[in-house]
Amino acid sequence: MTTLFAYEISPISNPDRLYFTATLDECRTAARQQRSELRSDPEYGDVDPMPIYRVDMEIPDTQTLLNGLNNNDDLTNAIIIDRKLVETVRD
């Protein structure tokens, strides 16, 4: 099993879309950078807090992997074993 960290890229428009990093510090930095970019976009509006998760992942069995790759499926749900809220990035 592999543990990564991920934050919700856009909590409002798509709470299931995650950006993954190897460490919690990298995740905090990436989330803060994106928050800064979103705040500077006058069309975006308010920037909600971004949850950061610890994500436990495992490579699926061969058949699941082949089916996903050959059918252009999103394999995220096939490899995520567990997702736990660690903290929330705010301004």
C-alpha atoms as a PDB file:
ATOM      1  CA  MET A   1       0.000   0.000   0.000  1.00  0.00           C
ATOM      2  CA  THR A   2       1.109   3.551  -0.765  1.00  0.00           C
ATOM      3  CA  THR A   3       0.084   6.649   1.156  1.00  0.00           C
ATOM      4  CA  LEU A   4      -0.222   9.977  -0.639  1.00  0.00           C
ATOM      5  CA  PHE A   5      -1.791  13.313   0.253  1.00  0.00           C
ATOM      6  CA  ALA A   6      -4.385  15.125  -1.823  1.00  0.00           C
ATOM      7  CA  TYR A   7      -6.453  18.272  -1.695  1.00  0.00           C
ATOM      8  CA  GLU A   8      -9.757  19.062  -3.375  1.00  0.00           C
ATOM      9  CA  ILE A   9      -8.899  21.169  -6.393  1.00  0.00           C
ATOM     10  CA  SER A  10     -12.247  22.962  -6.410  1.00  0.00           C
ATOM     11  CA  PRO A  11     -14.429  22.144  -3.403  1.00  0.00           C
ATOM     12  CA  ILE A  12     -17.436  23.921  -4.916  1.00  0.00           C
ATOM     13  CA  SER A  13     -17.491  22.772  -8.531  1.00  0.00           C
ATOM     14  CA  ASN A  14     -16.041  19.266  -8.184  1.00  0.00           C
ATOM     15  CA  PRO A  15     -15.321  17.925  -4.684  1.00  0.00           C
ATOM     16  CA  ASP A  16     -14.125  14.583  -6.080  1.00  0.00           C
ATOM     17  CA  ARG A  17     -11.320  16.068  -8.170  1.00  0.00           C
ATOM     18  CA  LEU A  18      -8.087  15.702  -6.233  1.00  0.00           C
ATOM     19  CA  TYR A  19      -4.503  16.887  -6.707  1.00  0.00           C
ATOM     20  CA  PHE A  20      -2.028  14.334  -5.304  1.00  0.00           C
ATOM     21  CA  THR A  21       1.383  14.884  -3.712  1.00  0.00           C
ATOM     22  CA  ALA A  22       3.914  12.675  -1.951  1.00  0.00           C
ATOM     23  CA  THR A  23       3.971  14.611   1.347  1.00  0.00           C
ATOM     24  CA  LEU A  24       1.643  16.679   3.499  1.00  0.00           C
ATOM     25  CA  ASP A  25       3.950  19.714   3.190  1.00  0.00           C
ATOM     26  CA  GLU A  26       3.893  19.496  -0.628  1.00  0.00           C
ATOM     27  CA  CYS A  27       0.118  19.248  -0.502  1.00  0.00           C
ATOM     28  CA  ARG A  28      -0.223  22.331   1.729  1.00  0.00           C
ATOM     29  CA  THR A  29       2.076  24.301  -0.566  1.00  0.00           C
ATOM     30  CA  ALA A  30       0.197  23.276  -3.718  1.00  0.00           C
ATOM     31  CA  ALA A  31      -3.191  24.072  -2.150  1.00  0.00           C
ATOM     32  CA  ARG A  32      -2.015  27.498  -0.971  1.00  0.00           C
ATOM     33  CA  GLN A  33      -0.622  28.266  -4.415  1.00  0.00           C
ATOM     34  CA  GLN A  34      -3.884  27.330  -6.097  1.00  0.00           C
ATOM     35  CA  ARG A  35      -5.874  29.357  -3.556  1.00  0.00           C
ATOM     36  CA  SER A  36      -3.722  32.369  -4.400  1.00  0.00           C
ATOM     37  CA  GLU A  37      -4.332  31.862  -8.133  1.00  0.00           C
ATOM     38  CA  LEU A  38      -8.089  31.494  -7.614  1.00  0.00           C
ATOM     39  CA  ARG A  39      -8.289  34.617  -5.433  1.00  0.00           C
ATOM     40  CA  SER A  40      -6.575  36.633  -8.173  1.00  0.00           C
ATOM     41  CA  ASP A  41      -9.213  35.540 -10.725  1.00  0.00           C
ATOM     42  CA  PRO A  42     -12.038  38.118 -10.573  1.00  0.00           C
ATOM     43  CA  GLU A  43     -14.461  35.677 -12.214  1.00  0.00           C
ATOM     44  CA  TYR A  44     -13.952  32.876  -9.675  1.00  0.00           C
ATOM     45  CA  GLY A  45     -15.624  34.428  -6.637  1.00  0.00           C
ATOM     46  CA  ASP A  46     -15.058  33.324  -3.055  1.00  0.00           C
ATOM     47  CA  VAL A  47     -12.466  30.614  -2.457  1.00  0.00           C
ATOM     48  CA  ASP A  48     -13.779  28.015  -0.040  1.00  0.00           C
ATOM     49  CA  PRO A  49     -11.496  26.107   2.338  1.00  0.00           C
ATOM     50  CA  MET A  50      -9.711  23.189   0.671  1.00  0.00           C
ATOM     51  CA  PRO A  51      -9.720  19.878   2.531  1.00  0.00           C
ATOM     52  CA  ILE A  52      -6.491  17.882   2.552  1.00  0.00           C
ATOM     53  CA  TYR A  53      -6.746  14.085   2.788  1.00  0.00           C
ATOM     54  CA  ARG A  54      -4.390  11.244   3.551  1.00  0.00           C
ATOM     55  CA  VAL A  55      -5.081   8.746   0.790  1.00  0.00           C
ATOM     56  CA  ASP A  56      -4.139   5.082   1.026  1.00  0.00           C
ATOM     57  CA  MET A  57      -3.784   3.516  -2.411  1.00  0.00           C
ATOM     58  CA  GLU A  58      -3.111   0.114  -3.854  1.00  0.00           C
ATOM     59  CA  ILE A  59      -2.602  -1.069  -7.412  1.00  0.00           C
ATOM     60  CA  PRO A  60      -5.692  -3.065  -8.454  1.00  0.00           C
ATOM     61  CA  ASP A  61      -5.613  -6.587  -9.822  1.00  0.00           C
ATOM     62  CA  THR A  62      -4.441  -7.033 -13.408  1.00  0.00           C
ATOM     63  CA  GLN A  63      -7.900  -7.406 -14.963  1.00  0.00           C
ATOM     64  CA  THR A  64      -9.255  -4.237 -13.306  1.00  0.00           C
ATOM     65  CA  LEU A  65      -6.168  -2.338 -14.411  1.00  0.00           C
ATOM     66  CA  LEU A  66      -6.419  -3.590 -18.005  1.00  0.00           C
ATOM     67  CA  ASN A  67     -10.136  -2.824 -18.218  1.00  0.00           C
ATOM     68  CA  GLY A  68      -9.564   0.696 -16.956  1.00  0.00           C
ATOM     69  CA  LEU A  69      -6.654   1.439 -19.239  1.00  0.00           C
ATOM     70  CA  ASN A  70      -8.251  -0.051 -22.348  1.00  0.00           C
ATOM     71  CA  ASN A  71     -11.592   1.673 -21.809  1.00  0.00           C
ATOM     72  CA  ASN A  72     -10.187   5.075 -20.821  1.00  0.00           C
ATOM     73  CA  ASP A  73     -11.846   4.710 -17.419  1.00  0.00           C
ATOM     74  CA  ASP A  74     -10.906   6.778 -14.403  1.00  0.00           C
ATOM     75  CA  LEU A  75      -8.973   4.334 -12.216  1.00  0.00           C
ATOM     76  CA  THR A  76      -9.060   6.577  -9.147  1.00  0.00           C
ATOM     77  CA  ASN A  77     -11.819   4.644  -7.396  1.00  0.00           C
ATOM     78  CA  ALA A  78     -10.135   1.347  -8.243  1.00  0.00           C
ATOM     79  CA  ILE A  79      -6.882   2.298  -6.514  1.00  0.00           C
ATOM     80  CA  ILE A  80      -8.031   4.388  -3.529  1.00  0.00           C
ATOM     81  CA  ILE A  81      -8.463   2.152  -0.500  1.00  0.00           C
ATOM     82  CA  ASP A  82      -9.132   4.837   2.124  1.00  0.00           C
ATOM     83  CA  ARG A  83      -9.338   8.635   2.311  1.00  0.00           C
ATOM     84  CA  LYS A  84      -9.182  10.501   5.632  1.00  0.00           C
ATOM     85  CA  LEU A  85      -9.419  14.234   6.247  1.00  0.00           C
ATOM     86  CA  VAL A  86      -6.150  15.546   7.700  1.00  0.00           C
ATOM     87  CA  GLU A  87      -6.722  19.301   7.725  1.00  0.00           C
ATOM     88  CA  THR A  88      -8.261  22.188   5.820  1.00  0.00           C
ATOM     89  CA  VAL A  89      -6.329  24.979   4.085  1.00  0.00           C
ATOM     90  CA  ARG A  90      -7.824  28.430   4.580  1.00  0.00           C
ATOM     91  CA  ASP A  91      -6.613  31.982   4.114  1.00  0.00           C
END
